[in-house]
């Protein structure tokens, strides 16, 4: 029996060690790219996971704790990672949506339950924490599902959010089971499944959010080429606009223009400059007002949606492209192309047919 227990402990520590190194490498690589918000959020989440693994090692090697006490302390501290997952998913779904106040509200009930457990360490507090974590996780899942319904299925954004959501969901389910029914088999399963989930998440976050080429492919079947294709902001080295590289990343990688409430002040705050300086850049360097430039990016995004998703409604395209209303979208589209979105899509269908 003792030999079996020793074998189990050696195997568990080996798997946990490999898992620890994996997420530590992922955290380091993502945090190096902190200027991209979603990479910063995911890197911070992974770094928290690294700290939680160190905590597991400390608790497991503590001779003063019983097995039940170890499991309870691990469960209560591990629950703090769940709101970080929720914050990351919110940022992934709606870029720039997480503020410090919102982040604190996500963490508040989890921290409160941990404090209660520290003051009154009983099984009831642990059970309440598990139930609360399950309800919160269900809320994040439902919110993400509703978001996915508004995003065209064939787009990279839809696939990214779906795959990351499923990876988190599977990992949380295994974690919940290991908390309720602690065992060697479930612990091993958790580390393996969670490791695979992190590989999937890291792949999407690290690769989908790389700068993309927007040079349109030449084809005789392309209907009515756009007048001003979506292109990244080019850095003019002869000028003193030091924020251009950061602006390029926000527009090209995070696509902040899909936020319908985006303002010039918001962008100025994100890139660390003032409104007048940024406005001068758009008006004199790009020769277009800020609102027109952003709307052109939104229109190009809408054109991509129409070409890849022929059954999506005009209202859904308008919302997914960052317009406040369908009326505004139709007006801007007609101004650019001289035809309505419906007519444009009909031309697409005729040319492709």
Protein backbone atom coordinates (compact mmCIF):
# COMPACT_ATOMS: atom_id res chain seq x y z
CA UNK A 1 0.00 0.00 0.00
CA UNK A 2 2.84 2.35 0.94
CA UNK A 3 4.61 1.57 -2.32
CA UNK A 4 1.45 2.40 -4.25
CA UNK A 5 1.08 5.68 -2.39
CA UNK A 6 4.71 6.61 -3.03
CA UNK A 7 4.31 5.78 -6.73
CA UNK A 8 1.17 7.92 -6.93
CA UNK A 9 2.91 10.86 -5.25
CA UNK A 10 5.94 10.65 -7.55
CA UNK A 11 3.72 10.50 -10.65
CA UNK A 12 1.54 13.35 -9.39
CA UNK A 13 4.52 15.60 -8.67
CA UNK A 14 6.03 14.79 -12.08
CA UNK A 15 2.81 15.67 -13.94
CA UNK A 16 2.35 18.78 -11.83
CA UNK A 17 5.94 19.80 -12.51
CA UNK A 18 5.54 19.49 -16.28
CA UNK A 19 2.26 21.40 -16.05
CA UNK A 20 3.92 24.13 -13.97
CA UNK A 21 6.74 24.62 -16.48
CA UNK A 22 4.27 24.71 -19.39
CA UNK A 23 2.05 27.45 -17.97
CA UNK A 24 5.07 29.40 -16.69
CA UNK A 25 6.51 29.54 -20.22
CA UNK A 26 3.13 30.57 -21.66
CA UNK A 27 2.72 33.28 -18.99
CA UNK A 28 6.18 34.69 -19.67
CA UNK A 29 5.71 34.79 -23.44
CA UNK A 30 2.31 36.50 -23.22
CA UNK A 31 3.30 39.04 -20.56
CA UNK A 32 6.17 40.14 -22.82
CA UNK A 33 3.45 41.34 -25.21
CA UNK A 34 1.66 43.36 -22.52
CA UNK A 35 0.82 46.17 -24.95
CA UNK A 36 -1.95 43.95 -26.37
CA UNK A 37 -4.64 43.91 -23.69
CA UNK A 38 -5.94 40.39 -24.27
CA UNK A 39 -2.41 39.01 -24.09
CA UNK A 40 -1.81 40.96 -20.88
CA UNK A 41 -5.03 39.57 -19.36
CA UNK A 42 -4.28 35.99 -20.40
CA UNK A 43 -0.66 36.28 -19.27
CA UNK A 44 -1.80 37.59 -15.88
CA UNK A 45 -4.25 34.69 -15.61
CA UNK A 46 -1.50 32.20 -16.38
CA UNK A 47 0.82 33.87 -13.88
CA UNK A 48 -1.91 33.48 -11.26
CA UNK A 49 -2.09 29.80 -12.21
CA UNK A 50 1.67 29.53 -11.65
CA UNK A 51 1.27 30.99 -8.15
CA UNK A 52 -1.59 28.59 -7.43
CA UNK A 53 0.63 25.66 -8.35
CA UNK A 54 3.30 26.91 -5.95
CA UNK A 55 0.59 27.13 -3.31
CA UNK A 56 -0.39 23.50 -4.01
CA UNK A 57 3.20 22.41 -3.43
CA UNK A 58 3.37 24.28 -0.11
CA UNK A 59 0.06 22.89 1.15
CA UNK A 60 0.77 19.32 0.02
CA UNK A 61 4.10 19.31 1.86
CA UNK A 62 2.69 20.84 5.06
CA UNK A 63 2.69 18.16 7.79
CA UNK A 64 0.26 20.14 9.98
CA UNK A 65 -2.72 19.82 7.60
CA UNK A 66 -5.02 16.83 7.31
CA UNK A 67 -6.07 15.64 3.87
CA UNK A 68 -9.49 17.32 4.18
CA UNK A 69 -7.94 20.59 5.33
CA UNK A 70 -5.50 20.52 2.39
CA UNK A 71 -8.32 20.01 -0.11
CA UNK A 72 -10.43 22.78 1.46
CA UNK A 73 -7.61 25.33 1.45
CA UNK A 74 -6.67 24.45 -2.14
CA UNK A 75 -10.32 24.78 -3.20
CA UNK A 76 -10.84 28.16 -1.52
CA UNK A 77 -7.66 29.70 -2.89
CA UNK A 78 -8.07 28.19 -6.37
CA UNK A 79 -11.50 29.79 -6.72
CA UNK A 80 -9.76 33.18 -7.08
CA UNK A 81 -8.69 32.12 -10.59
CA UNK A 82 -12.31 31.83 -11.74
CA UNK A 83 -13.10 35.60 -11.78
CA UNK A 84 -9.82 36.13 -13.62
CA UNK A 85 -11.09 33.71 -16.26
CA UNK A 86 -14.34 35.66 -16.39
CA UNK A 87 -12.50 38.97 -16.81
CA UNK A 88 -10.35 37.49 -19.58
CA UNK A 89 -13.41 36.16 -21.42
CA UNK A 90 -15.16 39.54 -21.13
CA UNK A 91 -12.11 41.29 -22.56
CA UNK A 92 -11.86 38.71 -25.33
CA UNK A 93 -15.51 39.14 -26.27
CA UNK A 94 -15.68 42.92 -25.97
CA UNK A 95 -12.22 44.58 -26.12
CA UNK A 96 -11.67 47.51 -23.73
CA UNK A 97 -14.78 46.55 -21.72
CA UNK A 98 -12.97 45.72 -18.46
CA UNK A 99 -12.26 48.67 -16.18
CA UNK A 100 -10.61 48.51 -12.72
CA UNK A 101 -14.03 48.92 -11.10
CA UNK A 102 -15.55 46.06 -13.10
CA UNK A 103 -12.55 43.85 -12.34
CA UNK A 104 -12.99 44.50 -8.59
CA UNK A 105 -16.68 43.61 -8.82
CA UNK A 106 -15.79 40.29 -10.44
CA UNK A 107 -13.36 39.46 -7.63
CA UNK A 108 -15.34 40.85 -4.66
CA UNK A 109 -17.59 37.82 -3.86
CA UNK A 110 -14.71 35.35 -4.29
CA UNK A 111 -12.42 37.31 -1.99
CA UNK A 112 -15.24 37.72 0.52
CA UNK A 113 -15.83 33.96 0.65
CA UNK A 114 -12.10 33.34 1.15
CA UNK A 115 -11.99 35.83 4.03
CA UNK A 116 -15.02 34.14 5.63
CA UNK A 117 -13.30 30.76 5.32
CA UNK A 118 -10.13 32.15 6.92
CA UNK A 119 -12.21 33.40 9.88
CA UNK A 120 -14.51 30.37 10.06
CA UNK A 121 -12.80 27.39 8.37
CA UNK A 122 -15.69 25.00 7.94
CA UNK A 123 -17.01 22.71 5.21
CA UNK A 124 -20.13 24.85 4.77
CA UNK A 125 -18.03 27.80 3.57
CA UNK A 126 -16.26 25.54 1.07
CA UNK A 127 -19.57 24.17 -0.26
CA UNK A 128 -20.97 27.69 -0.66
CA UNK A 129 -17.82 28.73 -2.51
CA UNK A 130 -18.11 25.78 -4.91
CA UNK A 131 -21.79 26.56 -5.58
CA UNK A 132 -21.02 30.24 -6.13
CA UNK A 133 -18.13 29.40 -8.47
CA UNK A 134 -20.43 27.11 -10.47
CA UNK A 135 -23.12 29.80 -10.78
CA UNK A 136 -20.57 32.43 -11.81
CA UNK A 137 -19.06 30.06 -14.37
CA UNK A 138 -22.52 29.33 -15.77
CA UNK A 139 -23.13 33.08 -16.08
CA UNK A 140 -19.88 33.54 -18.02
CA UNK A 141 -20.74 30.58 -20.27
CA UNK A 142 -24.24 31.96 -21.00
CA UNK A 143 -22.87 35.45 -21.64
CA UNK A 144 -20.25 34.06 -24.02
CA UNK A 145 -22.88 31.94 -25.82
CA UNK A 146 -25.07 35.00 -26.34
CA UNK A 147 -22.07 36.90 -27.68
CA UNK A 148 -21.22 34.07 -30.07
CA UNK A 149 -24.74 34.20 -31.50
CA UNK A 150 -24.08 37.77 -32.66
CA UNK A 151 -20.77 36.90 -34.33
CA UNK A 152 -20.69 35.21 -37.77
CA UNK A 153 -19.72 31.56 -37.40
CA UNK A 154 -17.11 31.43 -40.13
CA UNK A 155 -15.06 34.32 -38.81
CA UNK A 156 -11.76 33.86 -36.97
CA UNK A 157 -13.15 35.79 -33.98
CA UNK A 158 -16.03 33.34 -33.58
CA UNK A 159 -13.73 30.32 -33.76
CA UNK A 160 -11.27 31.87 -31.32
CA UNK A 161 -13.88 32.71 -28.67
CA UNK A 162 -15.59 29.32 -29.10
CA UNK A 163 -12.40 27.26 -28.76
CA UNK A 164 -11.13 29.27 -25.80
CA UNK A 165 -14.53 29.09 -24.08
CA UNK A 166 -14.74 25.32 -24.48
CA UNK A 167 -11.19 24.91 -23.20
CA UNK A 168 -11.92 26.94 -20.08
CA UNK A 169 -15.24 25.13 -19.56
CA UNK A 170 -13.69 21.67 -19.69
CA UNK A 171 -10.87 22.68 -17.32
CA UNK A 172 -13.32 24.20 -14.81
CA UNK A 173 -15.55 21.11 -14.90
CA UNK A 174 -12.60 18.83 -14.14
CA UNK A 175 -11.46 21.23 -11.40
CA UNK A 176 -14.94 21.18 -9.82
CA UNK A 177 -15.03 17.39 -9.84
CA UNK A 178 -11.57 17.18 -8.27
CA UNK A 179 -12.75 19.53 -5.51
CA UNK A 180 -15.92 17.56 -4.78
CA UNK A 181 -14.39 14.08 -5.19
CA UNK A 182 -10.65 14.47 -4.53
CA UNK A 183 -8.66 11.51 -5.81
CA UNK A 184 -5.37 10.64 -7.45
CA UNK A 185 -7.05 9.82 -10.78
CA UNK A 186 -8.95 13.13 -10.94
CA UNK A 187 -5.85 15.11 -9.99
CA UNK A 188 -3.86 13.53 -12.80
CA UNK A 189 -6.79 14.02 -15.19
CA UNK A 190 -7.08 17.68 -14.20
CA UNK A 191 -3.41 18.46 -14.88
CA UNK A 192 -3.44 16.68 -18.24
CA UNK A 193 -6.75 18.13 -19.45
CA UNK A 194 -5.93 21.59 -18.11
CA UNK A 195 -2.52 21.48 -19.80
CA UNK A 196 -4.11 20.65 -23.15
CA UNK A 197 -6.67 23.41 -22.61
CA UNK A 198 -3.91 25.95 -21.95
CA UNK A 199 -2.10 24.87 -25.12
CA UNK A 200 -5.26 25.55 -27.13
CA UNK A 201 -5.82 28.90 -25.42
CA UNK A 202 -2.21 29.99 -25.87
CA UNK A 203 -2.26 29.01 -29.54
CA UNK A 204 -5.30 31.16 -30.28
CA UNK A 205 -4.29 34.16 -28.18
CA UNK A 206 -0.72 34.18 -29.48
CA UNK A 207 -1.53 33.57 -33.16
CA UNK A 208 -4.96 34.98 -33.90
CA UNK A 209 -3.95 38.33 -32.49
CA UNK A 210 -0.86 38.76 -34.62
CA UNK A 211 -0.73 41.57 -37.19
CA UNK A 212 -2.58 40.51 -40.31
CA UNK A 213 -2.05 41.51 -43.90
CA UNK A 214 -5.02 43.36 -45.33
CA UNK A 215 -3.84 43.44 -48.92
CA UNK A 216 -6.85 42.28 -50.92
CA UNK A 217 -6.29 39.30 -53.17
CA UNK A 218 -6.80 40.01 -56.85
CA UNK A 219 -9.58 38.03 -58.42
CA UNK A 220 -11.88 38.52 -61.36
CA UNK A 221 -14.77 37.36 -59.17
CA UNK A 222 -14.33 40.16 -56.63
CA UNK A 223 -17.38 42.43 -56.81
CA UNK A 224 -16.87 46.17 -56.61
CA UNK A 225 -13.51 46.59 -54.86
CA UNK A 226 -13.60 48.83 -51.85
CA UNK A 227 -12.47 52.38 -52.47
CA UNK A 228 -10.29 52.58 -49.38
CA UNK A 229 -9.19 49.13 -48.20
CA UNK A 230 -8.50 48.51 -44.53
CA UNK A 231 -4.79 48.98 -43.97
CA UNK A 232 -2.67 49.33 -40.87
CA UNK A 233 -1.46 52.79 -39.97
CA UNK A 234 1.95 53.27 -41.55
CA UNK A 235 4.70 54.72 -39.40
CA UNK A 236 6.12 57.88 -40.96
CA UNK A 237 9.62 58.09 -39.54
CA UNK A 238 9.95 61.72 -40.62
CA UNK A 239 7.22 62.77 -38.19
CA UNK A 240 7.22 62.88 -34.39
CA UNK A 241 4.03 60.89 -33.83
CA UNK A 242 5.53 58.39 -31.39
CA UNK A 243 2.20 56.71 -30.73
CA UNK A 244 1.69 55.40 -34.28
CA UNK A 245 3.07 51.91 -33.57
CA UNK A 246 0.75 51.51 -30.58
CA UNK A 247 -2.19 52.86 -32.56
CA UNK A 248 -1.44 50.36 -35.32
CA UNK A 249 -1.57 47.47 -32.84
CA UNK A 250 -4.86 48.62 -31.37
CA UNK A 251 -6.48 48.91 -34.78
CA UNK A 252 -4.87 45.94 -36.52
CA UNK A 253 -4.61 43.39 -33.71
CA UNK A 254 -7.36 44.22 -31.21
CA UNK A 255 -9.73 45.82 -33.72
CA UNK A 256 -10.92 48.38 -31.21
CA UNK A 257 -13.03 49.99 -33.93
CA UNK A 258 -15.56 47.16 -33.42
CA UNK A 259 -16.51 48.88 -30.16
CA UNK A 260 -19.51 51.01 -31.09
CA UNK A 261 -18.84 53.43 -28.21
CA UNK A 262 -15.24 54.14 -29.24
CA UNK A 263 -14.32 57.85 -29.15
CA UNK A 264 -11.26 59.91 -29.99
CA UNK A 265 -10.71 60.47 -26.26
CA UNK A 266 -10.76 56.71 -25.65
CA UNK A 267 -8.09 56.07 -28.26
CA UNK A 268 -5.97 58.96 -27.01
CA UNK A 269 -6.10 57.50 -23.50
CA UNK A 270 -5.18 54.01 -24.75
CA UNK A 271 -2.08 55.20 -26.59
CA UNK A 272 -0.97 57.70 -23.95
CA UNK A 273 -1.44 60.97 -25.81
CA UNK A 274 -3.95 63.82 -25.87
CA UNK A 275 -7.02 64.34 -28.03
CA UNK A 276 -5.68 67.32 -29.99
CA UNK A 277 -2.41 65.61 -30.91
CA UNK A 278 -4.22 62.46 -32.07
CA UNK A 279 -6.79 64.49 -34.02
CA UNK A 280 -3.96 66.38 -35.72
CA UNK A 281 -2.46 63.05 -36.80
CA UNK A 282 -5.68 61.87 -38.46
CA UNK A 283 -6.49 65.22 -40.07
CA UNK A 284 -3.04 66.15 -41.36
CA UNK A 285 -1.14 62.89 -41.76
CA UNK A 286 -3.94 60.59 -42.88
CA UNK A 287 -6.01 63.42 -44.39
CA UNK A 288 -9.24 62.10 -42.90
CA UNK A 289 -11.20 62.84 -39.72
CA UNK A 290 -11.04 60.25 -36.95
CA UNK A 291 -14.71 59.27 -37.31
CA UNK A 292 -14.41 58.73 -41.07
CA UNK A 293 -11.29 56.60 -40.65
CA UNK A 294 -12.91 54.40 -38.00
CA UNK A 295 -16.10 54.06 -40.03
CA UNK A 296 -14.08 52.98 -43.06
CA UNK A 297 -12.48 50.20 -41.00
CA UNK A 298 -15.94 49.16 -39.83
CA UNK A 299 -17.27 49.17 -43.39
CA UNK A 300 -14.38 47.00 -44.59
CA UNK A 301 -15.11 44.59 -41.75
CA UNK A 302 -18.78 44.54 -42.76
CA UNK A 303 -17.82 43.79 -46.36
CA UNK A 304 -15.75 40.83 -45.18
CA UNK A 305 -18.70 39.53 -43.16
CA UNK A 306 -21.02 39.80 -46.15
CA UNK A 307 -18.61 37.95 -48.42
CA UNK A 308 -18.06 35.08 -45.96
CA UNK A 309 -21.51 34.85 -44.38
CA UNK A 310 -24.24 35.21 -47.03
CA UNK A 311 -27.10 34.39 -44.62
CA UNK A 312 -26.26 36.80 -41.81
CA UNK A 313 -28.74 39.65 -41.48
CA UNK A 314 -27.90 43.29 -42.16
CA UNK A 315 -28.72 44.14 -38.54
CA UNK A 316 -26.25 41.54 -37.28
CA UNK A 317 -23.58 42.79 -39.68
CA UNK A 318 -24.13 46.35 -38.49
CA UNK A 319 -23.82 45.37 -34.82
CA UNK A 320 -20.82 43.06 -35.35
CA UNK A 321 -18.99 45.78 -37.30
CA UNK A 322 -19.22 48.37 -34.53
CA UNK A 323 -22.04 50.64 -35.76
CA UNK A 324 -24.46 52.09 -33.23
CA UNK A 325 -27.45 51.49 -35.45
CA UNK A 326 -28.40 49.83 -38.72
CA UNK A 327 -29.52 53.22 -40.07
CA UNK A 328 -26.05 54.68 -39.53
CA UNK A 329 -24.50 51.61 -41.15
CA UNK A 330 -26.74 51.82 -44.24
CA UNK A 331 -26.05 55.54 -44.64
CA UNK A 332 -22.28 55.11 -44.36
CA UNK A 333 -22.30 52.10 -46.70
CA UNK A 334 -24.34 53.91 -49.35
CA UNK A 335 -22.04 56.92 -49.11
CA UNK A 336 -19.02 54.73 -49.79
CA UNK A 337 -20.40 52.39 -52.46
CA UNK A 338 -23.39 54.25 -53.88
CA UNK A 339 -25.62 51.24 -53.18
CA UNK A 340 -27.27 49.71 -50.13
CA UNK A 341 -25.75 46.78 -48.20
CA UNK A 342 -28.48 44.49 -49.54
CA UNK A 343 -27.71 45.46 -53.13
CA UNK A 344 -24.00 44.98 -52.49
CA UNK A 345 -24.63 41.49 -51.16
CA UNK A 346 -26.84 40.67 -54.11
CA UNK A 347 -24.00 41.69 -56.44
CA UNK A 348 -21.71 39.42 -54.44
CA UNK A 349 -24.08 36.49 -54.85
CA UNK A 350 -24.42 37.09 -58.60
CA UNK A 351 -20.67 37.32 -59.17
CA UNK A 352 -19.96 34.25 -57.05
CA UNK A 353 -22.71 32.32 -58.80
